[in-house]
């Protein structure tokens, strides 16, 4: 279980994790915010690997293991532990390789 230390944040922002709003300190990482939100306890993971379908969640919290990959503001494969939250940020658990950044061109 991930729990925040008692702090008095100077600035809070609202982020959306799987379309649910959360108020978090403006200086924490996406991974820390996701872990503190309880999403991992609730659903058990933040991503599914593309090869084996194994469930994963943030682990090293310093950008080395790549277990924290999530869809952030529509971009897949973002290291959640390396990005700071921002007002209105939309974060989603990533399934396999995530959504493709390439949009089909209308014919």
N, C-alpha and C. Protein backbone atom coordinates (compact mmCIF):
# COMPACT_ATOMS: atom_id res chain seq x y z
N UNK A 1 0.85 -1.18 0.00
CA UNK A 1 0.00 0.00 0.00
C UNK A 1 0.89 1.24 0.00
N UNK A 2 0.53 2.19 -0.80
CA UNK A 2 1.26 3.44 -0.94
C UNK A 2 0.49 4.52 -0.19
N UNK A 3 1.16 5.26 0.67
CA UNK A 3 0.50 6.29 1.46
C UNK A 3 1.34 7.55 1.48
N UNK A 4 0.69 8.70 1.30
CA UNK A 4 1.39 9.97 1.35
C UNK A 4 1.77 10.30 2.80
N UNK A 5 2.91 10.95 2.95
CA UNK A 5 3.28 11.50 4.24
C UNK A 5 2.41 12.72 4.49
N UNK A 6 2.20 13.05 5.72
CA UNK A 6 1.43 14.25 6.04
C UNK A 6 2.20 15.47 5.54
N UNK A 7 1.61 16.19 4.63
CA UNK A 7 2.25 17.39 4.09
C UNK A 7 1.22 18.50 3.98
N UNK A 8 1.70 19.67 3.73
CA UNK A 8 0.84 20.82 3.50
C UNK A 8 1.21 21.37 2.12
N UNK A 9 0.64 20.79 1.05
CA UNK A 9 1.04 21.23 -0.29
C UNK A 9 0.69 22.69 -0.54
N UNK A 10 1.61 23.38 -1.20
CA UNK A 10 1.40 24.78 -1.52
C UNK A 10 0.35 24.93 -2.63
N UNK A 11 0.33 23.97 -3.54
CA UNK A 11 -0.59 24.06 -4.67
C UNK A 11 -1.13 22.68 -5.00
N UNK A 12 -2.42 22.59 -5.19
CA UNK A 12 -3.04 21.34 -5.58
C UNK A 12 -3.60 21.46 -7.00
N UNK A 13 -3.63 20.35 -7.71
CA UNK A 13 -4.19 20.30 -9.05
C UNK A 13 -5.18 19.15 -9.11
N UNK A 14 -6.08 19.20 -10.07
CA UNK A 14 -7.01 18.11 -10.30
C UNK A 14 -6.54 17.33 -11.51
N UNK A 15 -6.38 16.02 -11.32
CA UNK A 15 -6.03 15.13 -12.43
C UNK A 15 -7.14 14.10 -12.56
N UNK A 16 -7.17 13.42 -13.69
CA UNK A 16 -8.19 12.40 -13.93
C UNK A 16 -7.49 11.08 -14.18
N UNK A 17 -7.77 10.11 -13.33
CA UNK A 17 -7.20 8.78 -13.48
C UNK A 17 -8.33 7.86 -13.86
N UNK A 18 -8.23 7.28 -15.04
CA UNK A 18 -9.32 6.44 -15.57
C UNK A 18 -10.66 7.17 -15.47
N UNK A 19 -10.65 8.45 -15.84
CA UNK A 19 -11.81 9.33 -15.89
C UNK A 19 -12.40 9.72 -14.53
N UNK A 20 -11.69 9.44 -13.44
CA UNK A 20 -12.15 9.85 -12.11
C UNK A 20 -11.25 10.98 -11.62
N UNK A 21 -11.85 12.08 -11.10
CA UNK A 21 -11.04 13.21 -10.64
C UNK A 21 -10.38 12.96 -9.28
N UNK A 22 -9.15 13.44 -9.16
CA UNK A 22 -8.40 13.36 -7.90
C UNK A 22 -7.68 14.68 -7.68
N UNK A 23 -7.71 15.19 -6.47
CA UNK A 23 -6.93 16.37 -6.11
C UNK A 23 -5.59 15.91 -5.55
N UNK A 24 -4.50 16.39 -6.14
CA UNK A 24 -3.16 15.97 -5.71
C UNK A 24 -2.24 17.18 -5.62
N UNK A 25 -1.15 17.01 -4.92
CA UNK A 25 -0.14 18.06 -4.81
C UNK A 25 0.50 18.27 -6.18
N UNK A 26 0.72 19.52 -6.54
CA UNK A 26 1.27 19.85 -7.86
C UNK A 26 2.71 19.42 -8.05
N UNK A 27 3.38 19.01 -6.99
CA UNK A 27 4.79 18.64 -7.13
C UNK A 27 5.04 17.13 -7.12
N UNK A 28 4.00 16.31 -7.18
CA UNK A 28 4.25 14.87 -7.17
C UNK A 28 4.22 14.28 -8.58
N UNK A 29 4.82 13.13 -8.70
CA UNK A 29 4.85 12.47 -10.00
C UNK A 29 3.52 11.79 -10.27
N UNK A 30 3.30 11.49 -11.54
CA UNK A 30 2.08 10.77 -11.93
C UNK A 30 2.02 9.42 -11.22
N UNK A 31 3.13 8.70 -11.18
CA UNK A 31 3.16 7.39 -10.53
C UNK A 31 2.79 7.50 -9.05
N UNK A 32 3.34 8.47 -8.35
CA UNK A 32 3.03 8.65 -6.93
C UNK A 32 1.55 8.97 -6.74
N UNK A 33 1.01 9.83 -7.60
CA UNK A 33 -0.40 10.19 -7.51
C UNK A 33 -1.30 8.99 -7.78
N UNK A 34 -0.93 8.18 -8.77
CA UNK A 34 -1.72 6.99 -9.10
C UNK A 34 -1.67 5.99 -7.95
N UNK A 35 -0.50 5.75 -7.40
CA UNK A 35 -0.39 4.82 -6.28
C UNK A 35 -1.17 5.31 -5.06
N UNK A 36 -1.08 6.59 -4.76
CA UNK A 36 -1.79 7.15 -3.61
C UNK A 36 -3.30 7.18 -3.82
N UNK A 37 -3.74 7.19 -5.06
CA UNK A 37 -5.18 7.24 -5.36
C UNK A 37 -5.90 5.96 -4.97
N UNK A 38 -5.17 4.86 -4.87
CA UNK A 38 -5.80 3.59 -4.54
C UNK A 38 -6.19 2.76 -5.75
N UNK A 39 -5.93 3.27 -6.95
CA UNK A 39 -6.28 2.54 -8.17
C UNK A 39 -5.60 1.17 -8.20
N UNK A 40 -4.33 1.11 -7.83
CA UNK A 40 -3.61 -0.16 -7.87
C UNK A 40 -4.21 -1.14 -6.88
N UNK A 41 -4.58 -0.68 -5.71
CA UNK A 41 -5.23 -1.56 -4.73
C UNK A 41 -6.58 -2.04 -5.24
N UNK A 42 -7.27 -1.17 -5.96
CA UNK A 42 -8.61 -1.48 -6.46
C UNK A 42 -8.58 -2.47 -7.62
N UNK A 43 -7.75 -2.18 -8.65
CA UNK A 43 -7.76 -3.04 -9.84
C UNK A 43 -6.51 -3.92 -9.95
N UNK A 44 -5.50 -3.65 -9.14
CA UNK A 44 -4.34 -4.52 -9.07
C UNK A 44 -3.20 -4.24 -10.03
N UNK A 45 -3.35 -3.22 -10.89
CA UNK A 45 -2.28 -2.94 -11.85
C UNK A 45 -2.49 -1.57 -12.50
N UNK A 46 -1.45 -1.10 -13.21
CA UNK A 46 -1.59 0.13 -13.99
C UNK A 46 -1.35 -0.12 -15.48
N UNK A 47 -0.85 -1.30 -15.80
CA UNK A 47 -0.67 -1.64 -17.21
C UNK A 47 -0.64 -3.15 -17.39
N UNK A 48 -0.81 -3.56 -18.65
CA UNK A 48 -0.69 -4.96 -19.03
C UNK A 48 0.38 -5.05 -20.11
N UNK A 49 1.31 -6.00 -19.98
CA UNK A 49 2.39 -6.11 -20.95
C UNK A 49 1.86 -6.56 -22.30
N UNK A 50 2.46 -6.07 -23.41
CA UNK A 50 1.97 -6.44 -24.74
C UNK A 50 2.29 -7.88 -25.15
N UNK A 51 3.33 -8.48 -24.60
CA UNK A 51 3.73 -9.82 -25.04
C UNK A 51 2.97 -10.91 -24.28
N UNK A 52 3.04 -10.87 -22.96
CA UNK A 52 2.45 -11.95 -22.17
C UNK A 52 1.11 -11.61 -21.54
N UNK A 53 0.74 -10.33 -21.53
CA UNK A 53 -0.51 -9.92 -20.90
C UNK A 53 -0.42 -9.87 -19.38
N UNK A 54 0.80 -9.90 -18.84
CA UNK A 54 1.01 -9.84 -17.40
C UNK A 54 0.70 -8.43 -16.88
N UNK A 55 0.09 -8.37 -15.71
CA UNK A 55 -0.21 -7.09 -15.09
C UNK A 55 1.01 -6.54 -14.38
N UNK A 56 1.19 -5.22 -14.46
CA UNK A 56 2.33 -4.54 -13.84
C UNK A 56 1.85 -3.26 -13.15
N UNK A 57 2.73 -2.69 -12.32
CA UNK A 57 2.47 -1.43 -11.62
C UNK A 57 3.81 -0.75 -11.37
N UNK A 58 3.83 0.54 -11.03
CA UNK A 58 5.10 1.22 -10.75
C UNK A 58 5.92 0.45 -9.73
N UNK A 59 7.23 0.41 -9.98
CA UNK A 59 8.11 -0.38 -9.12
C UNK A 59 9.29 0.44 -8.60
N UNK A 60 10.20 0.84 -9.49
CA UNK A 60 11.43 1.48 -9.02
C UNK A 60 11.26 2.97 -8.70
N UNK A 61 10.29 3.61 -9.31
CA UNK A 61 9.98 5.03 -9.10
C UNK A 61 11.12 5.97 -9.49
N UNK A 62 12.04 5.50 -10.36
CA UNK A 62 13.12 6.37 -10.81
C UNK A 62 13.41 6.23 -12.30
N UNK A 63 12.52 5.60 -13.06
CA UNK A 63 12.64 5.56 -14.51
C UNK A 63 13.50 4.47 -15.10
N UNK A 64 13.88 3.48 -14.30
CA UNK A 64 14.77 2.44 -14.79
C UNK A 64 14.02 1.21 -15.28
N UNK A 65 12.98 0.80 -14.57
CA UNK A 65 12.34 -0.50 -14.83
C UNK A 65 11.25 -0.46 -15.90
N UNK A 66 10.69 0.69 -16.19
CA UNK A 66 9.63 0.87 -17.18
C UNK A 66 8.33 0.13 -16.83
N UNK A 67 8.15 -0.23 -15.58
CA UNK A 67 6.91 -0.91 -15.18
C UNK A 67 5.76 0.08 -15.00
N UNK A 68 6.05 1.36 -14.97
CA UNK A 68 5.03 2.38 -14.72
C UNK A 68 4.43 2.97 -16.00
N UNK A 69 4.65 2.34 -17.15
CA UNK A 69 4.14 2.91 -18.40
C UNK A 69 2.62 3.07 -18.34
N UNK A 70 2.15 4.27 -18.71
CA UNK A 70 0.73 4.57 -18.71
C UNK A 70 0.41 5.46 -19.90
N UNK A 71 -0.86 5.63 -20.17
CA UNK A 71 -1.32 6.57 -21.20
C UNK A 71 -1.56 7.90 -20.49
N UNK A 72 -0.78 8.91 -20.86
CA UNK A 72 -0.88 10.23 -20.23
C UNK A 72 -1.24 11.25 -21.30
N UNK A 73 -2.37 11.89 -21.11
CA UNK A 73 -2.89 12.86 -22.08
C UNK A 73 -2.92 12.28 -23.50
N UNK A 74 -3.35 11.03 -23.60
CA UNK A 74 -3.52 10.38 -24.90
C UNK A 74 -2.28 9.75 -25.49
N UNK A 75 -1.13 9.92 -24.85
CA UNK A 75 0.12 9.34 -25.36
C UNK A 75 0.47 8.08 -24.58
N UNK A 76 0.59 6.97 -25.28
CA UNK A 76 0.91 5.69 -24.65
C UNK A 76 2.40 5.61 -24.31
N UNK A 77 2.73 4.66 -23.47
CA UNK A 77 4.12 4.34 -23.11
C UNK A 77 4.87 5.48 -22.45
N UNK A 78 4.17 6.24 -21.62
CA UNK A 78 4.80 7.33 -20.88
C UNK A 78 5.21 6.82 -19.51
N UNK A 79 6.46 7.09 -19.11
CA UNK A 79 6.91 6.68 -17.78
C UNK A 79 6.28 7.59 -16.73
N UNK A 80 5.34 7.05 -15.99
CA UNK A 80 4.58 7.83 -15.02
C UNK A 80 5.46 8.35 -13.88
N UNK A 81 6.54 7.65 -13.58
CA UNK A 81 7.40 8.09 -12.48
C UNK A 81 8.31 9.25 -12.88
N UNK A 82 8.34 9.58 -14.16
CA UNK A 82 9.22 10.65 -14.64
C UNK A 82 8.47 11.92 -15.01
N UNK A 83 7.14 11.92 -14.86
CA UNK A 83 6.35 13.10 -15.20
C UNK A 83 5.66 13.65 -13.97
N UNK A 84 5.69 14.96 -13.85
CA UNK A 84 5.00 15.64 -12.76
C UNK A 84 3.56 15.91 -13.19
N UNK A 85 2.63 15.78 -12.25
CA UNK A 85 1.23 16.02 -12.57
C UNK A 85 1.02 17.47 -12.99
N UNK A 86 -0.04 17.70 -13.75
CA UNK A 86 -0.42 19.05 -14.19
C UNK A 86 -1.94 19.16 -14.16
N UNK A 87 -2.43 20.35 -13.99
CA UNK A 87 -3.87 20.59 -13.93
C UNK A 87 -4.56 19.99 -15.15
N UNK A 88 -5.60 19.19 -14.89
CA UNK A 88 -6.40 18.61 -15.96
C UNK A 88 -5.80 17.40 -16.66
N UNK A 89 -4.63 16.96 -16.21
CA UNK A 89 -3.96 15.82 -16.85
C UNK A 89 -4.87 14.60 -16.82
N UNK A 90 -4.88 13.86 -17.93
CA UNK A 90 -5.69 12.64 -18.04
C UNK A 90 -4.76 11.44 -18.12
N UNK A 91 -4.94 10.54 -17.16
CA UNK A 91 -4.07 9.38 -17.01
C UNK A 91 -4.93 8.13 -17.11
N UNK A 92 -4.47 7.17 -17.90
CA UNK A 92 -5.22 5.92 -18.05
C UNK A 92 -4.28 4.73 -17.89
N UNK A 93 -4.83 3.65 -17.33
CA UNK A 93 -4.08 2.41 -17.28
C UNK A 93 -3.87 1.95 -18.72
N UNK A 94 -2.71 1.42 -19.00
CA UNK A 94 -2.36 1.04 -20.38
C UNK A 94 -2.57 -0.45 -20.60
N UNK A 95 -3.31 -0.76 -21.64
CA UNK A 95 -3.53 -2.15 -22.02
C UNK A 95 -2.60 -2.50 -23.18
N UNK A 96 -1.76 -3.49 -22.99
CA UNK A 96 -0.79 -3.94 -24.00
C UNK A 96 0.08 -2.76 -24.44
N UNK A 97 0.19 -2.53 -25.76
CA UNK A 97 1.05 -1.46 -26.26
C UNK A 97 0.39 -0.09 -26.18
N UNK A 98 -0.89 -0.04 -25.82
CA UNK A 98 -1.59 1.23 -25.72
C UNK A 98 -2.11 1.70 -27.06
N UNK A 99 -2.83 2.80 -27.06
CA UNK A 99 -3.40 3.32 -28.31
C UNK A 99 -2.30 3.83 -29.25
N UNK A 100 -2.53 3.68 -30.52
CA UNK A 100 -1.56 4.11 -31.53
C UNK A 100 -1.59 5.63 -31.67
N UNK A 101 -0.42 6.26 -31.75
CA UNK A 101 -0.40 7.72 -31.94
C UNK A 101 -0.72 8.13 -33.37
N UNK A 102 -0.77 7.16 -34.28
CA UNK A 102 -1.02 7.43 -35.69
C UNK A 102 -2.52 7.42 -35.94
N UNK A 103 -3.04 8.50 -36.47
CA UNK A 103 -4.45 8.61 -36.79
C UNK A 103 -4.65 8.26 -38.26
N UNK A 104 -5.73 7.55 -38.54
CA UNK A 104 -6.00 7.22 -39.94
C UNK A 104 -6.39 8.48 -40.70
N UNK A 105 -5.89 8.58 -41.90
CA UNK A 105 -6.19 9.71 -42.77
C UNK A 105 -7.50 9.44 -43.48
N UNK A 106 -8.41 10.43 -43.43
CA UNK A 106 -9.71 10.27 -44.11
C UNK A 106 -9.49 10.19 -45.61
N UNK A 107 -10.19 9.25 -46.21
CA UNK A 107 -10.06 9.06 -47.67
C UNK A 107 -11.13 9.78 -48.42
